[in-house]
Amino acid sequence: MADSSILEFLSGMIGTRKIEIIATLCGLINIILIVRRNIWNYPFGLVMVTLYFFIFKDARLYSDMLLQPYFFVMQLFGWYWWLSKPAGDGKVAVARISTREAFAWIGIAVIGVIAVGTAMSRFTDAALPFWDAATSVGSIIAMYFMARRLLENWVVWILVDVLAIGIYWVKGLQPTSALYLVFLCMASVGLYQWYRSWRSGIAIAK
């Protein structure tokens, strides 16, 4: 009976479709390695974003679907940038964003959400267009910050994960929603770990 309950929990967590199971597992490995500032997160990230392109297409979450090619390109750029910026501990170095840049990015995010959400609501049958746009625009910014090794990428990912958990649950993607709950917990750990590294002096100029 206990074994059956465990199997039911795991199937609810990662799903029963092979594509979603593989994407979920690659996502978990990817985020674990990112938290550890390990450059080998990128191969798993490339597989994950490729699979999620098709998953989001089936769910009619078009903003998220169109985001995956961008993620694929940023995975490649991030891999290159991380290789070029090692820290003293053999892992990637941590940098910070300026206050002025932060306010500029907030403005860009607001404009982006309005523009993408409006376009999706008018020209597609997208479900939850503005909420979907918020996670998409936030993910674009967070991915760019991560590639630049900016500590603040984790703050943006935390906000994105909170929204994504609700969106994917409503759309019946419970395994993906559960994955984003794990992402939320790990993003919090990542923020703490990267902040410790930055405070300890393992940081470089951007």
C-alpha atoms as a PDB file:
ATOM      1  CA  MET A   1       0.000   0.000   0.000  1.00  0.00           C
ATOM      2  CA  ALA A   2       2.816   2.394   0.867  1.00  0.00           C
ATOM      3  CA  ASP A   3       4.607   1.614  -2.394  1.00  0.00           C
ATOM      4  CA  SER A   4       1.397   2.320  -4.313  1.00  0.00           C
ATOM      5  CA  SER A   5       0.984   5.691  -2.589  1.00  0.00           C
ATOM      6  CA  ILE A   6       4.568   6.646  -3.404  1.00  0.00           C
ATOM      7  CA  LEU A   7       4.084   5.716  -7.063  1.00  0.00           C
ATOM      8  CA  GLU A   8       0.867   7.746  -7.224  1.00  0.00           C
ATOM      9  CA  PHE A   9       2.663  10.749  -5.717  1.00  0.00           C
ATOM     10  CA  LEU A  10       5.555  10.488  -8.182  1.00  0.00           C
ATOM     11  CA  SER A  11       3.225  10.099 -11.174  1.00  0.00           C
ATOM     12  CA  GLY A  12       1.340  13.199 -10.039  1.00  0.00           C
ATOM     13  CA  MET A  13       4.621  15.046  -9.600  1.00  0.00           C
ATOM     14  CA  ILE A  14       6.268  14.297 -12.948  1.00  0.00           C
ATOM     15  CA  GLY A  15       3.315  13.107 -15.023  1.00  0.00           C
ATOM     16  CA  THR A  16       2.823  10.032 -17.170  1.00  0.00           C
ATOM     17  CA  ARG A  17       3.699  11.421 -20.613  1.00  0.00           C
ATOM     18  CA  LYS A  18       7.290  10.620 -21.547  1.00  0.00           C
ATOM     19  CA  ILE A  19       7.955  14.102 -22.923  1.00  0.00           C
ATOM     20  CA  GLU A  20       6.868  15.781 -19.680  1.00  0.00           C
ATOM     21  CA  ILE A  21       8.751  13.287 -17.505  1.00  0.00           C
ATOM     22  CA  ILE A  22      12.002  13.895 -19.400  1.00  0.00           C
ATOM     23  CA  ALA A  23      11.487  17.678 -19.403  1.00  0.00           C
ATOM     24  CA  THR A  24      10.767  17.664 -15.666  1.00  0.00           C
ATOM     25  CA  LEU A  25      13.837  15.594 -14.793  1.00  0.00           C
ATOM     26  CA  CYS A  26      16.093  17.714 -17.014  1.00  0.00           C
ATOM     27  CA  GLY A  27      14.645  20.830 -15.394  1.00  0.00           C
ATOM     28  CA  LEU A  28      15.409  19.546 -11.912  1.00  0.00           C
ATOM     29  CA  ILE A  29      18.991  18.642 -12.808  1.00  0.00           C
ATOM     30  CA  ASN A  30      19.410  21.976 -14.579  1.00  0.00           C
ATOM     31  CA  ILE A  31      18.329  24.072 -11.597  1.00  0.00           C
ATOM     32  CA  ILE A  32      20.381  22.014  -9.116  1.00  0.00           C
ATOM     33  CA  LEU A  33      23.524  22.642 -11.151  1.00  0.00           C
ATOM     34  CA  ILE A  34      22.711  26.356 -11.562  1.00  0.00           C
ATOM     35  CA  VAL A  35      22.347  26.763  -7.801  1.00  0.00           C
ATOM     36  CA  ARG A  36      25.787  25.180  -7.460  1.00  0.00           C
ATOM     37  CA  ARG A  37      27.130  27.574 -10.147  1.00  0.00           C
ATOM     38  CA  ASN A  38      28.102  24.529 -12.189  1.00  0.00           C
ATOM     39  CA  ILE A  39      28.478  25.182 -15.924  1.00  0.00           C
ATOM     40  CA  TRP A  40      27.222  21.684 -16.811  1.00  0.00           C
ATOM     41  CA  ASN A  41      23.663  22.855 -16.194  1.00  0.00           C
ATOM     42  CA  TYR A  42      23.505  23.968 -19.824  1.00  0.00           C
ATOM     43  CA  PRO A  43      23.202  20.595 -21.646  1.00  0.00           C
ATOM     44  CA  PHE A  44      20.214  19.694 -19.467  1.00  0.00           C
ATOM     45  CA  GLY A  45      18.750  23.161 -19.997  1.00  0.00           C
ATOM     46  CA  LEU A  46      18.943  22.773 -23.766  1.00  0.00           C
ATOM     47  CA  VAL A  47      16.993  19.505 -23.660  1.00  0.00           C
ATOM     48  CA  MET A  48      14.423  20.948 -21.261  1.00  0.00           C
ATOM     49  CA  VAL A  49      13.562  24.041 -23.314  1.00  0.00           C
ATOM     50  CA  THR A  50      13.318  22.000 -26.515  1.00  0.00           C
ATOM     51  CA  LEU A  51      10.748  19.653 -24.973  1.00  0.00           C
ATOM     52  CA  TYR A  52       8.759  22.428 -23.325  1.00  0.00           C
ATOM     53  CA  PHE A  53       8.255  24.094 -26.701  1.00  0.00           C
ATOM     54  CA  PHE A  54       5.984  21.182 -27.646  1.00  0.00           C
ATOM     55  CA  ILE A  55       4.399  20.861 -24.190  1.00  0.00           C
ATOM     56  CA  PHE A  56       3.315  24.516 -24.152  1.00  0.00           C
ATOM     57  CA  LYS A  57       2.108  24.295 -27.747  1.00  0.00           C
ATOM     58  CA  ASP A  58      -0.289  21.502 -26.778  1.00  0.00           C
ATOM     59  CA  ALA A  59      -1.536  23.573 -23.799  1.00  0.00           C
ATOM     60  CA  ARG A  60      -2.083  26.694 -25.976  1.00  0.00           C
ATOM     61  CA  LEU A  61       0.293  28.715 -23.790  1.00  0.00           C
ATOM     62  CA  TYR A  62       1.736  30.453 -26.814  1.00  0.00           C
ATOM     63  CA  SER A  63       3.770  33.093 -24.996  1.00  0.00           C
ATOM     64  CA  ASP A  64       5.598  30.339 -23.146  1.00  0.00           C
ATOM     65  CA  MET A  65       5.922  28.279 -26.324  1.00  0.00           C
ATOM     66  CA  LEU A  66       7.513  31.150 -28.261  1.00  0.00           C
ATOM     67  CA  LEU A  67       9.827  31.786 -25.331  1.00  0.00           C
ATOM     68  CA  GLN A  68      11.576  28.435 -25.675  1.00  0.00           C
ATOM     69  CA  PRO A  69      13.614  29.300 -28.826  1.00  0.00           C
ATOM     70  CA  TYR A  70      14.879  32.388 -26.980  1.00  0.00           C
ATOM     71  CA  PHE A  71      15.773  30.188 -24.020  1.00  0.00           C
ATOM     72  CA  PHE A  72      17.614  27.827 -26.356  1.00  0.00           C
ATOM     73  CA  VAL A  73      19.749  30.658 -27.750  1.00  0.00           C
ATOM     74  CA  MET A  74      20.368  32.106 -24.281  1.00  0.00           C
ATOM     75  CA  GLN A  75      21.443  28.683 -23.033  1.00  0.00           C
ATOM     76  CA  LEU A  76      24.156  28.695 -25.707  1.00  0.00           C
ATOM     77  CA  PHE A  77      25.224  32.270 -24.951  1.00  0.00           C
ATOM     78  CA  GLY A  78      25.139  31.609 -21.219  1.00  0.00           C
ATOM     79  CA  TRP A  79      27.336  28.553 -21.661  1.00  0.00           C
ATOM     80  CA  TYR A  80      29.888  30.718 -23.491  1.00  0.00           C
ATOM     81  CA  TRP A  81      29.716  33.596 -20.983  1.00  0.00           C
ATOM     82  CA  TRP A  82      30.028  31.326 -17.965  1.00  0.00           C
ATOM     83  CA  LEU A  83      33.087  29.681 -19.495  1.00  0.00           C
ATOM     84  CA  SER A  84      34.720  33.092 -19.889  1.00  0.00           C
ATOM     85  CA  LYS A  85      34.088  34.258 -16.293  1.00  0.00           C
ATOM     86  CA  PRO A  86      35.403  31.682 -13.805  1.00  0.00           C
ATOM     87  CA  ALA A  87      35.641  32.537 -10.104  1.00  0.00           C
ATOM     88  CA  GLY A  88      38.392  31.772  -7.636  1.00  0.00           C
ATOM     89  CA  ASP A  89      36.584  28.672  -6.392  1.00  0.00           C
ATOM     90  CA  GLY A  90      36.458  27.104  -9.854  1.00  0.00           C
ATOM     91  CA  LYS A  91      32.790  27.980 -10.377  1.00  0.00           C
ATOM     92  CA  VAL A  92      31.153  30.899 -12.157  1.00  0.00           C
ATOM     93  CA  ALA A  93      31.628  34.342 -10.590  1.00  0.00           C
ATOM     94  CA  VAL A  94      28.658  36.364  -9.270  1.00  0.00           C
ATOM     95  CA  ALA A  95      27.970  39.982 -10.290  1.00  0.00           C
ATOM     96  CA  ARG A  96      25.327  42.574  -9.282  1.00  0.00           C
ATOM     97  CA  ILE A  97      23.049  44.928 -11.176  1.00  0.00           C
ATOM     98  CA  SER A  98      23.025  48.664 -10.433  1.00  0.00           C
ATOM     99  CA  THR A  99      19.966  50.431  -8.963  1.00  0.00           C
ATOM    100  CA  ARG A 100      19.578  52.491 -12.115  1.00  0.00           C
ATOM    101  CA  GLU A 101      19.596  49.370 -14.275  1.00  0.00           C
ATOM    102  CA  ALA A 102      17.070  47.705 -11.975  1.00  0.00           C
ATOM    103  CA  PHE A 103      14.512  50.504 -12.411  1.00  0.00           C
ATOM    104  CA  ALA A 104      15.094  50.501 -16.174  1.00  0.00           C
ATOM    105  CA  TRP A 105      14.392  46.757 -16.331  1.00  0.00           C
ATOM    106  CA  ILE A 106      11.211  47.173 -14.254  1.00  0.00           C
ATOM    107  CA  GLY A 107       9.966  49.688 -16.826  1.00  0.00           C
ATOM    108  CA  ILE A 108      10.872  47.358 -19.677  1.00  0.00           C
ATOM    109  CA  ALA A 109       9.034  44.501 -17.948  1.00  0.00           C
ATOM    110  CA  VAL A 110       5.811  46.496 -17.521  1.00  0.00           C
ATOM    111  CA  ILE A 111       5.822  47.623 -21.152  1.00  0.00           C
ATOM    112  CA  GLY A 112       6.625  44.104 -22.315  1.00  0.00           C
ATOM    113  CA  VAL A 113       3.774  42.493 -20.379  1.00  0.00           C
ATOM    114  CA  ILE A 114       1.248  45.019 -21.715  1.00  0.00           C
ATOM    115  CA  ALA A 115       2.471  44.623 -25.300  1.00  0.00           C
ATOM    116  CA  VAL A 116       2.694  40.828 -25.340  1.00  0.00           C
ATOM    117  CA  GLY A 117      -0.530  40.317 -23.384  1.00  0.00           C
ATOM    118  CA  THR A 118      -2.463  42.653 -25.683  1.00  0.00           C
ATOM    119  CA  ALA A 119      -1.104  40.958 -28.817  1.00  0.00           C
ATOM    120  CA  MET A 120      -1.909  37.476 -27.520  1.00  0.00           C
ATOM    121  CA  SER A 121      -5.442  38.429 -26.471  1.00  0.00           C
ATOM    122  CA  ARG A 122      -6.227  40.050 -29.824  1.00  0.00           C
ATOM    123  CA  PHE A 123      -4.564  37.757 -32.332  1.00  0.00           C
ATOM    124  CA  THR A 124      -4.579  34.290 -30.735  1.00  0.00           C
ATOM    125  CA  ASP A 125      -6.800  32.013 -28.653  1.00  0.00           C
ATOM    126  CA  ALA A 126      -4.222  32.081 -25.869  1.00  0.00           C
ATOM    127  CA  ALA A 127      -5.393  31.082 -22.426  1.00  0.00           C
ATOM    128  CA  LEU A 128      -4.679  33.674 -19.687  1.00  0.00           C
ATOM    129  CA  PRO A 129      -2.819  35.989 -22.111  1.00  0.00           C
ATOM    130  CA  PHE A 130      -1.636  38.663 -19.647  1.00  0.00           C
ATOM    131  CA  TRP A 131      -0.638  36.219 -16.907  1.00  0.00           C
ATOM    132  CA  ASP A 132       1.134  34.122 -19.513  1.00  0.00           C
ATOM    133  CA  ALA A 133       2.820  37.277 -20.839  1.00  0.00           C
ATOM    134  CA  ALA A 134       4.008  38.181 -17.329  1.00  0.00           C
ATOM    135  CA  THR A 135       5.776  34.852 -16.869  1.00  0.00           C
ATOM    136  CA  SER A 136       7.221  35.050 -20.377  1.00  0.00           C
ATOM    137  CA  VAL A 137       8.604  38.580 -20.066  1.00  0.00           C
ATOM    138  CA  GLY A 138       9.909  37.819 -16.582  1.00  0.00           C
ATOM    139  CA  SER A 139      11.589  34.670 -17.840  1.00  0.00           C
ATOM    140  CA  ILE A 140      13.277  36.568 -20.678  1.00  0.00           C
ATOM    141  CA  ILE A 141      14.743  39.046 -18.216  1.00  0.00           C
ATOM    142  CA  ALA A 142      15.711  36.378 -15.675  1.00  0.00           C
ATOM    143  CA  MET A 143      17.428  34.264 -18.329  1.00  0.00           C
ATOM    144  CA  TYR A 144      19.425  37.278 -19.536  1.00  0.00           C
ATOM    145  CA  PHE A 145      20.411  38.102 -15.947  1.00  0.00           C
ATOM    146  CA  MET A 146      21.465  34.507 -15.371  1.00  0.00           C
ATOM    147  CA  ALA A 147      23.627  34.456 -18.484  1.00  0.00           C
ATOM    148  CA  ARG A 148      25.332  37.616 -17.169  1.00  0.00           C
ATOM    149  CA  ARG A 149      25.803  35.876 -13.799  1.00  0.00           C
ATOM    150  CA  LEU A 150      23.749  38.552 -12.001  1.00  0.00           C
ATOM    151  CA  LEU A 151      22.568  37.721  -8.488  1.00  0.00           C
ATOM    152  CA  GLU A 152      19.223  39.379  -9.217  1.00  0.00           C
ATOM    153  CA  ASN A 153      18.278  36.657 -11.682  1.00  0.00           C
ATOM    154  CA  TRP A 154      17.026  34.663  -8.690  1.00  0.00           C
ATOM    155  CA  VAL A 155      14.712  37.470  -7.534  1.00  0.00           C
ATOM    156  CA  VAL A 156      13.067  37.555 -10.956  1.00  0.00           C
ATOM    157  CA  TRP A 157      12.849  33.747 -11.134  1.00  0.00           C
ATOM    158  CA  ILE A 158      11.101  33.668  -7.742  1.00  0.00           C
ATOM    159  CA  LEU A 159       8.419  36.071  -9.019  1.00  0.00           C
ATOM    160  CA  VAL A 160       8.038  34.091 -12.251  1.00  0.00           C
ATOM    161  CA  ASP A 161       7.777  30.774 -10.406  1.00  0.00           C
ATOM    162  CA  VAL A 162       4.994  32.049  -8.133  1.00  0.00           C
ATOM    163  CA  LEU A 163       2.928  33.092 -11.166  1.00  0.00           C
ATOM    164  CA  ALA A 164       3.758  29.947 -13.135  1.00  0.00           C
ATOM    165  CA  ILE A 165       2.630  27.604 -10.367  1.00  0.00           C
ATOM    166  CA  GLY A 166      -0.877  29.056 -10.506  1.00  0.00           C
ATOM    167  CA  ILE A 167      -1.080  29.280 -14.291  1.00  0.00           C
ATOM    168  CA  TYR A 168       0.024  25.717 -14.987  1.00  0.00           C
ATOM    169  CA  TRP A 169      -2.227  24.316 -12.262  1.00  0.00           C
ATOM    170  CA  VAL A 170      -5.257  26.085 -13.743  1.00  0.00           C
ATOM    171  CA  LYS A 171      -4.347  24.751 -17.213  1.00  0.00           C
ATOM    172  CA  GLY A 172      -4.202  21.171 -15.953  1.00  0.00           C
ATOM    173  CA  LEU A 173      -0.413  20.877 -16.129  1.00  0.00           C
ATOM    174  CA  GLN A 174      -0.093  19.661 -12.551  1.00  0.00           C
ATOM    175  CA  PRO A 175       3.317  17.972 -13.083  1.00  0.00           C
ATOM    176  CA  THR A 176       4.749  21.183 -14.511  1.00  0.00           C
ATOM    177  CA  SER A 177       3.118  23.179 -11.724  1.00  0.00           C
ATOM    178  CA  ALA A 178       4.763  20.858  -9.201  1.00  0.00           C
ATOM    179  CA  LEU A 179       8.080  21.299 -10.988  1.00  0.00           C
ATOM    180  CA  TYR A 180       7.777  25.074 -10.665  1.00  0.00           C
ATOM    181  CA  LEU A 181       7.060  24.677  -6.956  1.00  0.00           C
ATOM    182  CA  VAL A 182      10.393  22.881  -6.716  1.00  0.00           C
ATOM    183  CA  PHE A 183      11.932  25.635  -8.857  1.00  0.00           C
ATOM    184  CA  LEU A 184      10.569  28.211  -6.401  1.00  0.00           C
ATOM    185  CA  CYS A 185      12.205  26.477  -3.443  1.00  0.00           C
ATOM    186  CA  MET A 186      15.469  26.050  -5.310  1.00  0.00           C
ATOM    187  CA  ALA A 187      15.441  29.636  -6.587  1.00  0.00           C
ATOM    188  CA  SER A 188      15.249  30.728  -2.960  1.00  0.00           C
ATOM    189  CA  VAL A 189      18.225  28.502  -2.162  1.00  0.00           C
ATOM    190  CA  GLY A 190      20.022  29.833  -5.235  1.00  0.00           C
ATOM    191  CA  LEU A 191      19.493  33.426  -4.118  1.00  0.00           C
ATOM    192  CA  TYR A 192      20.952  32.589  -0.714  1.00  0.00           C
ATOM    193  CA  GLN A 193      23.911  30.654  -2.104  1.00  0.00           C
ATOM    194  CA  TRP A 194      24.805  33.223  -4.766  1.00  0.00           C
ATOM    195  CA  TYR A 195      24.462  36.045  -2.239  1.00  0.00           C
ATOM    196  CA  ARG A 196      26.877  34.249   0.088  1.00  0.00           C
ATOM    197  CA  SER A 197      29.334  33.852  -2.770  1.00  0.00           C
ATOM    198  CA  TRP A 198      29.034  37.530  -3.675  1.00  0.00           C
ATOM    199  CA  ARG A 199      29.465  38.608  -0.049  1.00  0.00           C
ATOM    200  CA  SER A 200      32.501  36.398   0.363  1.00  0.00           C
ATOM    201  CA  GLY A 201      34.286  38.268  -2.396  1.00  0.00           C
ATOM    202  CA  ILE A 202      33.823  35.719  -5.193  1.00  0.00           C
ATOM    203  CA  ALA A 203      32.474  38.448  -7.428  1.00  0.00           C
ATOM    204  CA  ILE A 204      33.787  40.357 -10.378  1.00  0.00           C
ATOM    205  CA  ALA A 205      32.894  43.501 -12.261  1.00  0.00           C
ATOM    206  CA  LYS A 206      30.226  43.032 -14.910  1.00  0.00           C
END
